[in-house]
Protein backbone atom coordinates (compact mmCIF):
# COMPACT_ATOMS: atom_id res chain seq x y z
CA MET A 1 -0.05 0.12 -0.53
CA LYS A 2 3.11 2.65 0.31
CA GLN A 3 4.35 1.59 -2.50
CA VAL A 4 1.10 2.31 -4.19
CA GLY A 5 0.92 5.41 -2.89
CA LEU A 6 4.42 6.56 -3.28
CA ILE A 7 4.12 5.23 -6.47
CA GLU A 8 0.44 7.23 -7.48
CA GLY A 9 1.99 10.05 -5.45
CA SER A 10 5.28 10.06 -8.10
CA ARG A 11 2.61 9.97 -10.32
CA ARG A 12 1.04 13.10 -10.03
CA ARG A 13 4.12 15.28 -9.21
CA PRO A 14 5.32 15.37 -12.90
CA VAL A 15 1.00 16.63 -13.74
CA GLY A 16 2.04 19.00 -11.04
CA ARG A 17 5.11 20.42 -12.49
CA TRP A 18 3.27 20.77 -15.86
CA PHE A 19 0.42 22.64 -14.54
CA ILE A 20 2.93 24.80 -12.48
CA VAL A 21 5.11 25.12 -15.94
CA GLY A 22 1.76 26.14 -17.90
CA LEU A 23 0.07 28.35 -15.06
CA TRP A 24 3.76 30.51 -16.03
CA VAL A 25 3.39 30.32 -19.83
CA LEU A 26 -0.38 31.62 -19.41
CA MET A 27 0.88 34.50 -17.08
CA LEU A 28 3.94 35.16 -19.07
CA LEU A 29 1.87 35.94 -22.26
CA PHE A 30 -0.99 38.03 -20.32
CA SER A 31 1.93 40.11 -18.95
CA LEU A 32 3.22 40.75 -22.46
CA VAL A 33 0.09 41.54 -23.37
CA ILE A 34 -0.68 43.99 -21.15
CA ILE A 35 2.66 45.05 -21.89
CA ALA A 36 1.65 45.05 -25.53
CA LEU A 37 -1.74 47.11 -24.22
CA VAL A 38 -0.24 49.96 -22.73
CA THR A 39 2.78 50.36 -24.61
CA ARG A 40 0.53 50.66 -27.57
CA ILE A 41 -1.76 53.50 -25.57
CA TYR A 42 1.12 55.10 -24.93
CA LEU A 43 2.50 55.30 -28.06
CA THR A 44 -0.46 56.35 -29.80
CA THR A 45 -1.92 59.02 -27.23
CA PRO A 46 -1.20 62.47 -28.10
CA VAL A 47 0.82 64.19 -25.31
CA ARG A 48 -1.84 67.31 -23.96
CA GLN A 49 -0.78 70.71 -22.80
CA GLU A 50 -2.14 73.96 -22.87
CA ILE A 51 -0.89 77.17 -23.88
CA GLY A 52 -2.32 80.00 -23.12
CA SER A 53 -2.43 83.29 -25.86
CA SER A 54 -3.20 86.98 -25.84
CA ASP A 55 -5.17 85.71 -29.75
CA TRP A 56 -5.71 82.40 -30.59
CA SER A 57 -7.95 79.90 -28.67
CA GLY A 58 -8.42 76.48 -30.24
CA TYR A 59 -6.33 73.04 -31.37
CA VAL A 60 -2.77 72.74 -32.69
CA VAL A 61 -1.33 69.32 -33.82
CA VAL A 62 2.44 68.28 -34.47
CA SER A 63 4.22 65.97 -35.42
CA ASP A 64 6.19 65.58 -32.28
CA SER A 65 5.83 67.31 -29.39
CA VAL A 66 9.36 67.44 -28.37
CA ASN A 67 11.34 68.07 -32.11
CA PRO A 68 8.57 68.53 -33.93
CA SER A 69 9.69 68.11 -38.20
CA PRO A 70 8.34 69.57 -41.53
CA VAL A 71 6.15 67.12 -42.53
CA LEU A 72 2.59 68.90 -42.42
CA ARG A 73 1.04 68.37 -45.96
CA ASN A 74 -3.20 68.65 -45.60
CA ILE A 75 -5.62 70.24 -42.43
CA SER A 76 -9.13 71.02 -43.40
CA ALA A 77 -12.36 71.23 -40.88
CA SER A 78 -16.04 72.60 -40.89
CA TRP A 79 -18.16 75.17 -38.89
CA ILE A 80 -21.34 76.91 -38.52
CA VAL A 81 -20.87 80.74 -39.45
CA PRO A 82 -21.58 82.14 -35.96
CA MET A 83 -23.89 85.26 -35.28
CA VAL A 84 -21.74 88.13 -33.82
CA THR A 85 -23.88 90.38 -31.34
CA PRO A 86 -23.21 94.13 -32.57
CA SER A 87 -21.46 96.29 -29.93
CA PRO A 88 -21.18 100.02 -29.47
CA ILE A 89 -17.05 99.61 -30.11
CA ASP A 90 -15.79 97.92 -33.13
CA ALA A 91 -14.76 94.07 -32.34
CA PHE A 92 -13.55 91.87 -34.50
CA SER A 93 -13.45 87.76 -34.48
CA ASP A 94 -12.25 85.37 -37.16
CA VAL A 95 -12.35 81.46 -37.47
CA TRP A 96 -9.67 79.56 -39.00
CA ILE A 97 -7.67 76.50 -40.24
CA GLY A 98 -3.99 77.06 -40.94
CA ILE A 99 -0.28 75.68 -41.19
CA GLY A 100 2.97 76.93 -39.40
CA GLY A 101 2.63 79.56 -37.24
CA LEU A 102 2.82 77.66 -33.15
CA THR A 103 6.66 78.60 -33.70
CA ASP A 104 7.47 80.08 -36.79
CA ASP A 105 6.34 83.34 -38.71
CA SER A 106 4.92 81.12 -41.30
CA LEU A 107 1.52 80.85 -41.61
CA ILE A 108 -0.91 79.55 -44.54
CA GLN A 109 -4.40 80.30 -43.47
CA THR A 110 -8.07 80.60 -44.54
CA GLY A 111 -11.22 80.89 -42.58
CA THR A 112 -14.31 83.29 -41.90
CA GLY A 113 -14.32 86.81 -40.55
CA GLN A 114 -17.22 88.18 -37.71
CA ASP A 115 -16.45 91.36 -36.75
CA SER A 116 -18.96 94.56 -35.26
CA VAL A 117 -17.92 97.52 -37.57
CA ASP A 118 -19.70 100.80 -36.71
CA GLY A 119 -22.59 98.91 -34.49
CA ALA A 120 -23.66 96.05 -37.64
CA ALA A 121 -22.29 93.11 -37.26
CA VAL A 122 -19.85 92.19 -40.64
CA TYR A 123 -19.40 88.59 -42.16
CA GLU A 124 -16.73 87.82 -43.97
CA ALA A 125 -14.31 85.04 -46.30
CA TRP A 126 -10.56 85.23 -46.22
CA TYR A 127 -6.88 83.78 -46.85
CA GLU A 128 -3.76 85.27 -45.78
CA LEU A 129 -0.29 83.90 -46.18
CA LEU A 130 1.85 85.95 -43.54
CA PRO A 131 3.43 88.19 -43.75
CA ASP A 132 0.69 89.26 -46.12
CA TYR A 133 -1.97 91.03 -44.94
CA SER A 134 -5.14 89.15 -45.11
CA ILE A 135 -6.74 89.07 -48.52
CA THR A 136 -11.12 89.06 -48.33
CA ILE A 137 -12.66 86.36 -50.77
CA THR A 138 -15.40 89.21 -52.52
CA SER A 139 -16.56 85.69 -54.95
CA ILE A 140 -18.33 84.04 -51.50
CA ASN A 141 -21.04 86.63 -49.58
CA VAL A 142 -21.01 85.06 -46.02
CA SER A 143 -23.91 85.82 -43.45
CA ALA A 144 -24.31 84.05 -40.38
CA GLY A 145 -25.65 80.53 -40.18
CA ASP A 146 -23.91 79.99 -43.20
CA GLU A 147 -22.22 75.96 -43.30
CA ILE A 148 -18.67 76.58 -44.65
CA THR A 149 -15.67 73.90 -45.17
CA THR A 150 -12.25 75.04 -45.57
CA SER A 151 -9.15 72.60 -46.79
CA ILE A 152 -5.11 73.57 -47.03
CA SER A 153 -3.14 71.50 -49.21
CA LEU A 154 0.50 70.62 -50.30
CA LEU A 155 0.84 70.39 -54.13
CA ASP A 156 4.21 69.80 -54.72
CA ALA A 157 6.85 69.91 -52.15
CA GLY A 158 9.76 70.20 -54.37
CA THR A 159 8.18 73.83 -55.45
CA ASP A 160 6.31 74.79 -51.86
CA GLN A 161 3.10 74.73 -53.63
CA TRP A 162 -0.32 75.06 -51.73
CA LEU A 163 -3.92 74.69 -52.78
CA ILE A 164 -6.56 76.51 -50.59
CA GLN A 165 -9.69 75.97 -50.46
CA ILE A 166 -13.01 77.43 -49.05
CA ALA A 167 -16.75 77.07 -49.39
CA ASP A 168 -19.72 78.20 -48.67
CA ILE A 169 -22.18 75.33 -48.65
CA THR A 170 -25.88 77.17 -47.82
CA SER A 171 -24.81 79.76 -50.58
CA GLY A 172 -22.97 77.15 -53.19
CA GLN A 173 -20.39 79.86 -53.63
CA SER A 174 -16.60 78.55 -53.12
CA PHE A 175 -12.85 79.60 -53.60
CA SER A 176 -9.92 77.29 -54.93
CA GLN A 177 -6.26 78.65 -55.41
CA SER A 178 -2.83 77.20 -55.50
CA PHE A 179 -0.20 79.53 -54.21
CA PHE A 180 3.49 79.22 -54.23
CA TYR A 181 4.31 79.81 -50.33
CA LEU A 182 7.29 79.00 -48.24
CA SER A 183 5.71 77.23 -45.38
CA SER A 184 7.52 75.53 -41.99
CA ARG A 185 4.93 72.81 -42.35
CA LEU A 186 5.84 72.42 -38.63
CA SER A 187 1.95 72.61 -36.80
CA ALA A 188 -1.77 72.76 -37.69
CA GLU A 189 -4.42 74.74 -36.30
CA TRP A 190 -8.14 75.09 -35.75
CA ILE A 191 -8.76 78.39 -34.65
CA VAL A 192 -10.88 81.35 -33.52
CA GLU A 193 -8.97 84.53 -32.92
CA ARG A 194 -8.84 87.78 -31.94
CA PRO A 195 -7.32 89.44 -34.80
CA THR A 196 -4.76 91.99 -34.96
CA ILE A 197 -6.13 95.54 -36.83
CA ASN A 198 -3.50 98.58 -37.76
CA ASN A 199 -1.07 96.78 -36.03
CA THR A 200 -3.23 96.58 -32.75
CA LEU A 201 -4.65 94.00 -30.63
CA ALA A 202 -8.05 93.87 -31.60
CA VAL A 203 -11.33 93.91 -29.42
CA LEU A 204 -12.68 90.68 -29.96
CA ALA A 205 -16.26 90.49 -30.98
CA ASN A 206 -19.39 88.27 -29.00
CA PHE A 207 -19.55 85.88 -31.57
CA GLY A 208 -21.25 83.39 -29.10
CA SER A 209 -19.71 80.13 -29.67
CA ALA A 210 -18.03 78.54 -32.38
CA THR A 211 -17.60 74.55 -33.01
CA PHE A 212 -15.46 72.66 -35.46
CA ALA A 213 -16.20 69.40 -37.27
CA ASP A 214 -14.55 67.36 -39.43
CA LEU A 215 -11.72 68.06 -38.30
CA LYS A 216 -8.79 66.36 -40.38
CA VAL A 217 -4.78 66.65 -40.50
CA SER A 218 -2.16 64.77 -42.73
CA MET A 219 1.65 64.55 -42.53
CA ASP A 220 3.10 63.10 -44.56
CA SER A 221 1.95 59.07 -44.58
CA ARG A 222 -0.05 59.55 -41.52
CA SER A 223 -3.89 61.09 -41.63
CA GLY A 224 -6.51 61.33 -38.96
CA THR A 225 -8.02 63.51 -36.49
CA ALA A 226 -6.30 66.00 -34.06
CA ALA A 227 -6.60 63.09 -31.79
CA ASP A 228 -3.99 61.28 -33.59
CA PHE A 229 -1.01 63.19 -33.23
CA PRO A 230 0.61 65.24 -30.65
CA LEU A 231 -1.76 68.65 -29.91
CA SER A 232 -2.08 71.29 -27.19
CA ARG A 233 -4.95 73.56 -26.75
CA VAL A 234 -4.69 77.17 -26.63
CA MET A 235 -6.76 79.22 -24.42
CA MET A 236 -7.49 83.04 -25.16
CA TYR A 237 -6.28 85.30 -22.71
CA ASP A 238 -6.86 89.47 -22.30
CA ARG A 239 -3.97 91.97 -20.59
CA GLN A 240 -5.24 91.12 -17.32
CA ASN A 241 -5.29 87.58 -17.56
CA ILE A 242 -8.52 86.93 -17.82
CA GLN A 243 -9.87 84.49 -19.73
CA VAL A 244 -11.75 85.51 -22.79
CA VAL A 245 -13.52 82.20 -23.56
CA THR A 246 -13.29 78.72 -23.50
CA VAL A 247 -11.91 75.61 -25.62
CA SER A 248 -13.81 72.58 -25.18
CA GLU A 249 -12.31 69.13 -24.98
CA LEU A 250 -11.97 66.93 -28.55
CA ALA A 251 -15.07 65.19 -29.13
CA ALA A 252 -16.29 62.51 -31.59
CA ARG A 253 -12.89 60.39 -31.81
CA GLY A 254 -10.95 64.12 -31.96
CA SER A 255 -12.95 65.47 -35.05
CA THR A 256 -14.87 68.53 -33.23
CA PHE A 257 -14.78 70.87 -30.16
CA THR A 258 -16.28 74.31 -29.69
CA VAL A 259 -14.75 77.94 -28.60
CA THR A 260 -17.29 79.80 -26.28
CA TYR A 261 -17.30 84.08 -25.75
CA LEU A 262 -16.65 84.41 -22.33
CA GLY A 263 -16.43 87.99 -22.78
């Protein structure tokens, strides 16, 4: 009986060892899966920081948060032209997309203006290639509530040829023109701005709120929404360091957000 017991015991031991080995293998595989998942999340989650500005509010993306590369080649978005509340003093606001300009003087951009001039609301479509002044697009008659779509695309990196497109879907009017422009291609932006008028930072018009939608950006062979790249939220402050707008979190997987006037 003892011998049988010892034999039975010797038979159980190998089974126990294989069970332990198998358990360790499963634990190792599980650990590797967890490490891979965490690594993937870490590598694909964009670096988020907040930037204070006297004239910009919105979101900015770059290729790398530490050492950005000149790889931006396309940006696009749509929005509804916000309605401006007229004021007794002239006030201005711009909604736009752009490439460059975050850390350098090159900026190619297009958007709409929502202003209060001489006590009346004024709207326009425009484009700008710094350091030149903005150009009003006279072929588009903009009104509050109109749906606007915009895009800026690099046509030829060798010749620095860009295509600016902006369309008023509501009125059916549009503008499309190519330009030769040397851009840093270091950043891309979706911005509500308090512009500079006659070399002076303007009073921000009460635009209510502006919602950017269909945010898309391309960097060389990579394309996605704002959430797919390292990004920063830009918040606008006045000279007394008082916040004058709110910028919502990105929604719909990084394809939309809202800027709201605080005054």
